[in-house]
Amino acid sequence: MDLVRYSKYRGKMPREVLLLRGLPCIWSRCTFCDYIDDNTTDEHLIEKVADENLAKVTGEFGRLMVINSGSVQELPLGVRERIRLLLKAKGIGEFWTESYWAYRKDYEETRKFFEVDTHLFLGVETFDDNLRNGLLNKSMHWDSPDDVAAATDSICLLIGIRGQTRDTICRDIDLALTKFKYCIVNLFTENRVSEVDG
């Protein structure tokens, strides 16, 4: 895959953004996701991509976002250690990354590992259970949004999927605004043939 792996987001809360390669996603069955095409079991390649792109980080915004083809826990330990060292060396005080719901019992340990203010974004996509689990096949179940808020202060929503209504989207955004410190709203874009219509 020929992907842009380093960029700068200059909007609200500017940050440097890295897209690294990771080990296979623990779930790997979301119907809309093609990031899993970027994962690999070749740890040497994962480390090579990480080293090339971590070297581009300047620390100019004091905020770094690292995403990969799954969760931050699916980056080899050596890559996570390199990130931790980079955060310290560049004086970056805020780290944003992603983690799947199955890792929620490890969230606190993961936050402590990086030794800076770390936000674990959970790809909720929507709080509509039928859309999230029926259509998107996220396999993320909870009793209420409060369960999610108890695990993390940061979520991602997905807008523009088949079956969403204006009411569904408004409810998701209202929940994001009232229960979470951070929310990234992603617009669905079909990157390859998938089972989900955009």
C-alpha atoms as a PDB file:
ATOM      1  CA  MET A   1       0.000   0.000   0.000  1.00  0.00           C
ATOM      2  CA  ASP A   2       1.315   3.436  -0.913  1.00  0.00           C
ATOM      3  CA  LEU A   3       0.140   5.578   2.007  1.00  0.00           C
ATOM      4  CA  VAL A   4       1.086   8.959   3.432  1.00  0.00           C
ATOM      5  CA  ARG A   5       2.646   8.026   6.758  1.00  0.00           C
ATOM      6  CA  TYR A   6       3.638  11.428   8.161  1.00  0.00           C
ATOM      7  CA  SER A   7       1.552  14.567   8.111  1.00  0.00           C
ATOM      8  CA  LYS A   8       0.656  17.640  10.123  1.00  0.00           C
ATOM      9  CA  TYR A   9      -2.867  18.538  11.135  1.00  0.00           C
ATOM     10  CA  ARG A  10      -3.061  22.313  11.621  1.00  0.00           C
ATOM     11  CA  GLY A  11      -6.745  22.670  12.569  1.00  0.00           C
ATOM     12  CA  LYS A  12      -8.141  22.585  16.077  1.00  0.00           C
ATOM     13  CA  MET A  13      -5.613  20.922  18.375  1.00  0.00           C
ATOM     14  CA  PRO A  14      -2.778  20.831  15.799  1.00  0.00           C
ATOM     15  CA  ARG A  15      -0.639  17.734  15.861  1.00  0.00           C
ATOM     16  CA  GLU A  16       1.822  15.629  13.958  1.00  0.00           C
ATOM     17  CA  VAL A  17       0.256  12.401  12.705  1.00  0.00           C
ATOM     18  CA  LEU A  18       1.995   9.107  11.955  1.00  0.00           C
ATOM     19  CA  LEU A  19       0.481   6.083  10.244  1.00  0.00           C
ATOM     20  CA  LEU A  20       2.636   3.115  11.200  1.00  0.00           C
ATOM     21  CA  ARG A  21       2.392  -0.535  10.268  1.00  0.00           C
ATOM     22  CA  GLY A  22       1.389  -2.941  12.997  1.00  0.00           C
ATOM     23  CA  LEU A  23       0.874  -6.586  13.741  1.00  0.00           C
ATOM     24  CA  PRO A  24      -2.524  -8.032  12.732  1.00  0.00           C
ATOM     25  CA  CYS A  25      -5.520  -6.440  14.423  1.00  0.00           C
ATOM     26  CA  ILE A  26      -6.967  -8.566  17.224  1.00  0.00           C
ATOM     27  CA  TRP A  27     -10.457  -8.356  15.662  1.00  0.00           C
ATOM     28  CA  SER A  28      -9.830  -7.841  11.911  1.00  0.00           C
ATOM     29  CA  ARG A  29     -13.480  -8.333  10.964  1.00  0.00           C
ATOM     30  CA  CYS A  30     -14.983  -4.839  10.781  1.00  0.00           C
ATOM     31  CA  THR A  31     -16.825  -4.727   7.457  1.00  0.00           C
ATOM     32  CA  PHE A  32     -15.677  -1.208   6.531  1.00  0.00           C
ATOM     33  CA  CYS A  33     -11.995  -1.359   7.468  1.00  0.00           C
ATOM     34  CA  ASP A  34      -9.219  -1.748   4.947  1.00  0.00           C
ATOM     35  CA  TYR A  35      -6.430  -0.591   7.268  1.00  0.00           C
ATOM     36  CA  ILE A  36      -5.913  -4.267   8.104  1.00  0.00           C
ATOM     37  CA  ASP A  37      -4.466  -4.611   4.587  1.00  0.00           C
ATOM     38  CA  ASP A  38      -1.519  -2.596   5.945  1.00  0.00           C
ATOM     39  CA  ASN A  39      -0.686  -4.904   8.842  1.00  0.00           C
ATOM     40  CA  THR A  40       2.002  -7.564   8.706  1.00  0.00           C
ATOM     41  CA  THR A  41       3.670 -10.256  10.783  1.00  0.00           C
ATOM     42  CA  ASP A  42       7.075  -9.006   9.586  1.00  0.00           C
ATOM     43  CA  GLU A  43       8.346  -7.192  12.679  1.00  0.00           C
ATOM     44  CA  HIS A  44      11.504  -6.070  10.860  1.00  0.00           C
ATOM     45  CA  LEU A  45       9.322  -4.230   8.321  1.00  0.00           C
ATOM     46  CA  ILE A  46       7.156  -2.734  11.097  1.00  0.00           C
ATOM     47  CA  GLU A  47      10.298  -1.416  12.808  1.00  0.00           C
ATOM     48  CA  LYS A  48      11.719  -0.075   9.533  1.00  0.00           C
ATOM     49  CA  VAL A  49       8.536   1.897   8.772  1.00  0.00           C
ATOM     50  CA  ALA A  50       8.429   3.151  12.362  1.00  0.00           C
ATOM     51  CA  ASP A  51      12.057   4.297  12.352  1.00  0.00           C
ATOM     52  CA  GLU A  52      11.688   6.105   9.007  1.00  0.00           C
ATOM     53  CA  ASN A  53       8.646   8.017  10.174  1.00  0.00           C
ATOM     54  CA  LEU A  54       9.468   8.642  13.814  1.00  0.00           C
ATOM     55  CA  ALA A  55      12.590  10.398  12.498  1.00  0.00           C
ATOM     56  CA  LYS A  56      10.316  13.002  10.831  1.00  0.00           C
ATOM     57  CA  VAL A  57       8.671  14.091  14.088  1.00  0.00           C
ATOM     58  CA  THR A  58       9.747  17.571  15.207  1.00  0.00           C
ATOM     59  CA  GLY A  59       7.590  18.012  18.301  1.00  0.00           C
ATOM     60  CA  GLU A  60       6.575  21.473  17.088  1.00  0.00           C
ATOM     61  CA  PHE A  61       2.975  21.205  18.317  1.00  0.00           C
ATOM     62  CA  GLY A  62       3.701  19.336  21.541  1.00  0.00           C
ATOM     63  CA  ARG A  63       1.136  16.782  20.408  1.00  0.00           C
ATOM     64  CA  LEU A  64       1.649  13.530  18.481  1.00  0.00           C
ATOM     65  CA  MET A  65      -0.944  11.127  17.087  1.00  0.00           C
ATOM     66  CA  VAL A  66       0.152   7.624  16.096  1.00  0.00           C
ATOM     67  CA  ILE A  67      -2.246   5.260  14.368  1.00  0.00           C
ATOM     68  CA  ASN A  68      -1.633   1.881  12.816  1.00  0.00           C
ATOM     69  CA  SER A  69      -3.573  -0.946  11.236  1.00  0.00           C
ATOM     70  CA  GLY A  70      -5.189  -1.797  14.565  1.00  0.00           C
ATOM     71  CA  SER A  71      -4.493  -0.835  18.170  1.00  0.00           C
ATOM     72  CA  VAL A  72      -1.395   0.682  19.739  1.00  0.00           C
ATOM     73  CA  GLN A  73      -0.994  -2.601  21.637  1.00  0.00           C
ATOM     74  CA  GLU A  74      -0.381  -4.271  18.251  1.00  0.00           C
ATOM     75  CA  LEU A  75       2.807  -2.314  17.705  1.00  0.00           C
ATOM     76  CA  PRO A  76       5.794  -4.410  18.786  1.00  0.00           C
ATOM     77  CA  LEU A  77       7.131  -3.457  22.212  1.00  0.00           C
ATOM     78  CA  GLY A  78      10.319  -2.076  20.653  1.00  0.00           C
ATOM     79  CA  VAL A  79       8.302   0.365  18.523  1.00  0.00           C
ATOM     80  CA  ARG A  80       6.247   1.469  21.536  1.00  0.00           C
ATOM     81  CA  GLU A  81       9.478   2.038  23.456  1.00  0.00           C
ATOM     82  CA  ARG A  82      10.834   4.148  20.574  1.00  0.00           C
ATOM     83  CA  ILE A  83       7.648   6.246  20.672  1.00  0.00           C
ATOM     84  CA  ARG A  84       7.993   6.740  24.423  1.00  0.00           C
ATOM     85  CA  LEU A  85      11.615   7.859  24.047  1.00  0.00           C
ATOM     86  CA  LEU A  86      10.675  10.197  21.191  1.00  0.00           C
ATOM     87  CA  LEU A  87       7.914  11.837  23.234  1.00  0.00           C
ATOM     88  CA  LYS A  88      10.439  12.630  25.941  1.00  0.00           C
ATOM     89  CA  ALA A  89      13.247  13.686  23.595  1.00  0.00           C
ATOM     90  CA  LYS A  90      11.020  16.088  21.624  1.00  0.00           C
ATOM     91  CA  GLY A  91       9.204  17.481  24.667  1.00  0.00           C
ATOM     92  CA  ILE A  92       5.838  16.208  23.444  1.00  0.00           C
ATOM     93  CA  GLY A  93       3.371  16.366  26.308  1.00  0.00           C
ATOM     94  CA  GLU A  94       0.284  14.895  24.687  1.00  0.00           C
ATOM     95  CA  PHE A  95       0.020  11.558  22.878  1.00  0.00           C
ATOM     96  CA  TRP A  96      -3.042  10.425  20.916  1.00  0.00           C
ATOM     97  CA  THR A  97      -3.438   6.867  19.670  1.00  0.00           C
ATOM     98  CA  GLU A  98      -6.107   4.219  19.086  1.00  0.00           C
ATOM     99  CA  SER A  99      -7.107   1.069  20.905  1.00  0.00           C
ATOM    100  CA  TYR A 100      -9.858  -1.495  20.409  1.00  0.00           C
ATOM    101  CA  TRP A 101     -12.517  -2.246  23.039  1.00  0.00           C
ATOM    102  CA  ALA A 102     -11.065  -5.721  23.747  1.00  0.00           C
ATOM    103  CA  TYR A 103      -7.990  -4.032  25.275  1.00  0.00           C
ATOM    104  CA  ARG A 104      -9.997  -1.855  27.702  1.00  0.00           C
ATOM    105  CA  LYS A 105      -8.669  -3.675  30.784  1.00  0.00           C
ATOM    106  CA  ASP A 106      -5.165  -2.624  29.678  1.00  0.00           C
ATOM    107  CA  TYR A 107      -6.002   1.044  28.989  1.00  0.00           C
ATOM    108  CA  GLU A 108      -4.601   2.405  32.241  1.00  0.00           C
ATOM    109  CA  GLU A 109      -1.374   0.432  31.923  1.00  0.00           C
ATOM    110  CA  THR A 110      -1.031   1.632  28.318  1.00  0.00           C
ATOM    111  CA  ARG A 111      -1.502   5.263  29.367  1.00  0.00           C
ATOM    112  CA  LYS A 112       1.169   4.926  32.056  1.00  0.00           C
ATOM    113  CA  PHE A 113       3.601   3.257  29.646  1.00  0.00           C
ATOM    114  CA  PHE A 114       4.015   6.383  27.491  1.00  0.00           C
ATOM    115  CA  GLU A 115       4.750   8.641  30.500  1.00  0.00           C
ATOM    116  CA  VAL A 116       2.869  11.630  29.037  1.00  0.00           C
ATOM    117  CA  ASP A 117      -0.801  12.651  28.847  1.00  0.00           C
ATOM    118  CA  THR A 118      -2.077   9.760  26.682  1.00  0.00           C
ATOM    119  CA  HIS A 119      -5.512   9.597  25.046  1.00  0.00           C
ATOM    120  CA  LEU A 120      -6.696   6.222  23.766  1.00  0.00           C
ATOM    121  CA  PHE A 121      -9.242   6.790  21.021  1.00  0.00           C
ATOM    122  CA  LEU A 122     -11.838   4.067  20.719  1.00  0.00           C
ATOM    123  CA  GLY A 123     -13.453   3.634  17.318  1.00  0.00           C
ATOM    124  CA  VAL A 124     -17.031   3.565  18.591  1.00  0.00           C
ATOM    125  CA  GLU A 125     -18.201   4.667  15.091  1.00  0.00           C
ATOM    126  CA  THR A 126     -21.793   4.948  16.401  1.00  0.00           C
ATOM    127  CA  PHE A 127     -23.713   4.335  19.615  1.00  0.00           C
ATOM    128  CA  ASP A 128     -26.477   2.683  17.597  1.00  0.00           C
ATOM    129  CA  ASP A 129     -25.926  -0.965  18.528  1.00  0.00           C
ATOM    130  CA  ASN A 130     -27.580  -2.337  15.377  1.00  0.00           C
ATOM    131  CA  LEU A 131     -25.347  -0.240  13.122  1.00  0.00           C
ATOM    132  CA  ARG A 132     -22.172  -0.742  15.165  1.00  0.00           C
ATOM    133  CA  ASN A 133     -22.458  -4.488  15.599  1.00  0.00           C
ATOM    134  CA  GLY A 134     -24.990  -5.554  12.977  1.00  0.00           C
ATOM    135  CA  LEU A 135     -23.726  -3.611   9.960  1.00  0.00           C
ATOM    136  CA  LEU A 136     -20.158  -2.672  10.858  1.00  0.00           C
ATOM    137  CA  ASN A 137     -19.420  -5.912  12.749  1.00  0.00           C
ATOM    138  CA  LYS A 138     -17.428  -4.116  15.461  1.00  0.00           C
ATOM    139  CA  SER A 139     -18.205  -6.707  18.179  1.00  0.00           C
ATOM    140  CA  MET A 140     -18.305  -3.958  20.805  1.00  0.00           C
ATOM    141  CA  HIS A 141     -21.040  -4.407  23.383  1.00  0.00           C
ATOM    142  CA  TRP A 142     -21.855  -2.338  26.467  1.00  0.00           C
ATOM    143  CA  ASP A 143     -24.866  -1.427  28.567  1.00  0.00           C
ATOM    144  CA  SER A 144     -24.642   2.340  28.028  1.00  0.00           C
ATOM    145  CA  PRO A 145     -22.307   5.051  26.716  1.00  0.00           C
ATOM    146  CA  ASP A 146     -21.290   5.575  30.344  1.00  0.00           C
ATOM    147  CA  ASP A 147     -19.453   2.236  30.177  1.00  0.00           C
ATOM    148  CA  VAL A 148     -17.355   3.624  27.322  1.00  0.00           C
ATOM    149  CA  ALA A 149     -16.781   6.938  29.109  1.00  0.00           C
ATOM    150  CA  ALA A 150     -15.546   5.026  32.161  1.00  0.00           C
ATOM    151  CA  ALA A 151     -12.852   3.389  29.990  1.00  0.00           C
ATOM    152  CA  THR A 152     -11.710   6.323  27.837  1.00  0.00           C
ATOM    153  CA  ASP A 153     -12.178  10.051  27.337  1.00  0.00           C
ATOM    154  CA  SER A 154     -11.627   9.849  23.582  1.00  0.00           C
ATOM    155  CA  ILE A 155     -13.688   8.309  20.779  1.00  0.00           C
ATOM    156  CA  CYS A 156     -14.000   8.258  17.005  1.00  0.00           C
ATOM    157  CA  LEU A 157     -17.343   8.443  15.210  1.00  0.00           C
ATOM    158  CA  LEU A 158     -18.026   7.421  11.608  1.00  0.00           C
ATOM    159  CA  ILE A 159     -20.488   9.449   9.536  1.00  0.00           C
ATOM    160  CA  GLY A 160     -21.941   8.541   6.145  1.00  0.00           C
ATOM    161  CA  ILE A 161     -22.653   4.828   6.421  1.00  0.00           C
ATOM    162  CA  ARG A 162     -25.721   3.117   5.053  1.00  0.00           C
ATOM    163  CA  GLY A 163     -28.542   3.030   7.610  1.00  0.00           C
ATOM    164  CA  GLN A 164     -27.546   6.162   9.489  1.00  0.00           C
ATOM    165  CA  THR A 165     -30.201   8.828   9.874  1.00  0.00           C
ATOM    166  CA  ARG A 166     -29.951  12.458  10.853  1.00  0.00           C
ATOM    167  CA  ASP A 167     -31.325  11.497  14.275  1.00  0.00           C
ATOM    168  CA  THR A 168     -28.711   8.755  14.713  1.00  0.00           C
ATOM    169  CA  ILE A 169     -25.888  11.128  13.808  1.00  0.00           C
ATOM    170  CA  CYS A 170     -27.221  13.895  16.073  1.00  0.00           C
ATOM    171  CA  ARG A 171     -27.540  11.468  18.988  1.00  0.00           C
ATOM    172  CA  ASP A 172     -23.978  10.209  18.460  1.00  0.00           C
ATOM    173  CA  ILE A 173     -22.588  13.746  18.372  1.00  0.00           C
ATOM    174  CA  ASP A 174     -24.620  14.776  21.438  1.00  0.00           C
ATOM    175  CA  LEU A 175     -23.229  11.791  23.360  1.00  0.00           C
ATOM    176  CA  ALA A 176     -19.705  12.618  22.206  1.00  0.00           C
ATOM    177  CA  LEU A 177     -20.046  16.233  23.351  1.00  0.00           C
ATOM    178  CA  THR A 178     -21.550  15.419  26.733  1.00  0.00           C
ATOM    179  CA  LYS A 179     -19.592  12.330  27.773  1.00  0.00           C
ATOM    180  CA  PHE A 180     -16.124  12.595  26.202  1.00  0.00           C
ATOM    181  CA  LYS A 181     -13.265  15.065  26.282  1.00  0.00           C
ATOM    182  CA  TYR A 182     -12.210  14.342  22.686  1.00  0.00           C
ATOM    183  CA  CYS A 183     -14.017  13.093  19.618  1.00  0.00           C
ATOM    184  CA  ILE A 184     -12.811  12.722  16.055  1.00  0.00           C
ATOM    185  CA  VAL A 185     -15.588  12.542  13.470  1.00  0.00           C
ATOM    186  CA  ASN A 186     -14.544  10.583  10.384  1.00  0.00           C
ATOM    187  CA  LEU A 187     -16.402  10.755   7.085  1.00  0.00           C
ATOM    188  CA  PHE A 188     -16.792   7.304   5.552  1.00  0.00           C
ATOM    189  CA  THR A 189     -14.839   6.940   2.329  1.00  0.00           C
ATOM    190  CA  GLU A 190     -14.726   3.656   0.517  1.00  0.00           C
ATOM    191  CA  ASN A 191     -11.093   2.866  -0.197  1.00  0.00           C
ATOM    192  CA  ARG A 192     -11.670  -0.557  -1.665  1.00  0.00           C
ATOM    193  CA  VAL A 193     -14.612  -2.831  -2.336  1.00  0.00           C
ATOM    194  CA  SER A 194     -16.341  -3.601   0.957  1.00  0.00           C
ATOM    195  CA  GLU A 195     -19.654  -4.793   2.266  1.00  0.00           C
ATOM    196  CA  VAL A 196     -20.622  -1.331   3.542  1.00  0.00           C
ATOM    197  CA  ASP A 197     -22.112   1.219   1.178  1.00  0.00           C
ATOM    198  CA  GLY A 198     -20.988   4.808   1.750  1.00  0.00           C
END
